[in-house]
């Protein structure tokens, strides 16, 4: 018994009753999505524990009692927590396109071998598991809206590693009948997202604009992205835990914004006349357009609440209040 109702054993292909309190194990619990999700699930009364190797942790504070250092490539770091959990949320990954181009072997080891370790242990202990895939698996959009049947035509070692992990999870559904939800998130932004060299473009643009530096854009800036605010992403994972049967699901907004427009809007909100946009050569492996078809998740009752202009403005306001110009590293 965990506080309230006792959770059922996860041997059937059904989602969890939303009134049920759970033991949730998170991989990548110190990352951007993981730290926000850990906070939310804990506040809901669930028992949450996670591991992270701190390769790309974010600055969001997290209770030291609910995580430990560990690596998904090591089964010993995973097993006792997966055995303990009612549901596993696998977020840990090497997520950077540029880093994957420089380090393809490491990227494959983390994203494929690490996912295999999670899947094997969830099979052993018969656990429900959410696998974080990505819209990058699709490559550039071949249709106006990208549904779950869009071709997987990735354009980078990172994308390829996530396709491999995504299809491995699908194979475990088909072969072993496992209770697996594969989530293909579109782009994300929000408080505490990393703003360093391998950080998110919105976070990096904001840092640079506040410091009066150039906002570097690869190519002509016409690349389009479908951005979800972090609140939407937490909502998506919570919904997936409680409502979705096994299978593959897109989460996004169905609306796009060009990268050059993102830069312009950030400068507008920061109000620093020294900041300017600089265009450079196109980047290898970069996807041109991503736009989510949300029809499938809408049929289960989930809809995005992201308002890009409003959420970008409040993110920049949060950034300014949290860091300021003088205190920024």
Foldseek 3Di string as FASTA:
>chain_A
DQPDDDWDAQQAQFFTALVDAWEEEEEPCQADLNVVLQVVSVVVRHHAAYEYQVPHGFDDDDPPVRYDHDALLDLVRPQVSLLVTQEYEYDDADQFQVVCQVPVPVRLSRLPSSLVSVLVSCLVNQHAYEYEAALLQLFADPDLADFPPRDRDHFGSNSVSSVNSQVVVVVCCVPVVGFYEYEHEWAEDFPRFDQDPRTDLLSVLLLQLLQLHEREDADPQQAKTFYAYSVQVSVVVSCCNGFDGHDYAYDTAQDIDTRVVSSVLSNVLSVRPSYYYDYDHHDGRDGRYHGHDHVVVVVRPDHGPDDPSVRSNVRSVVCCVVANNVRDD
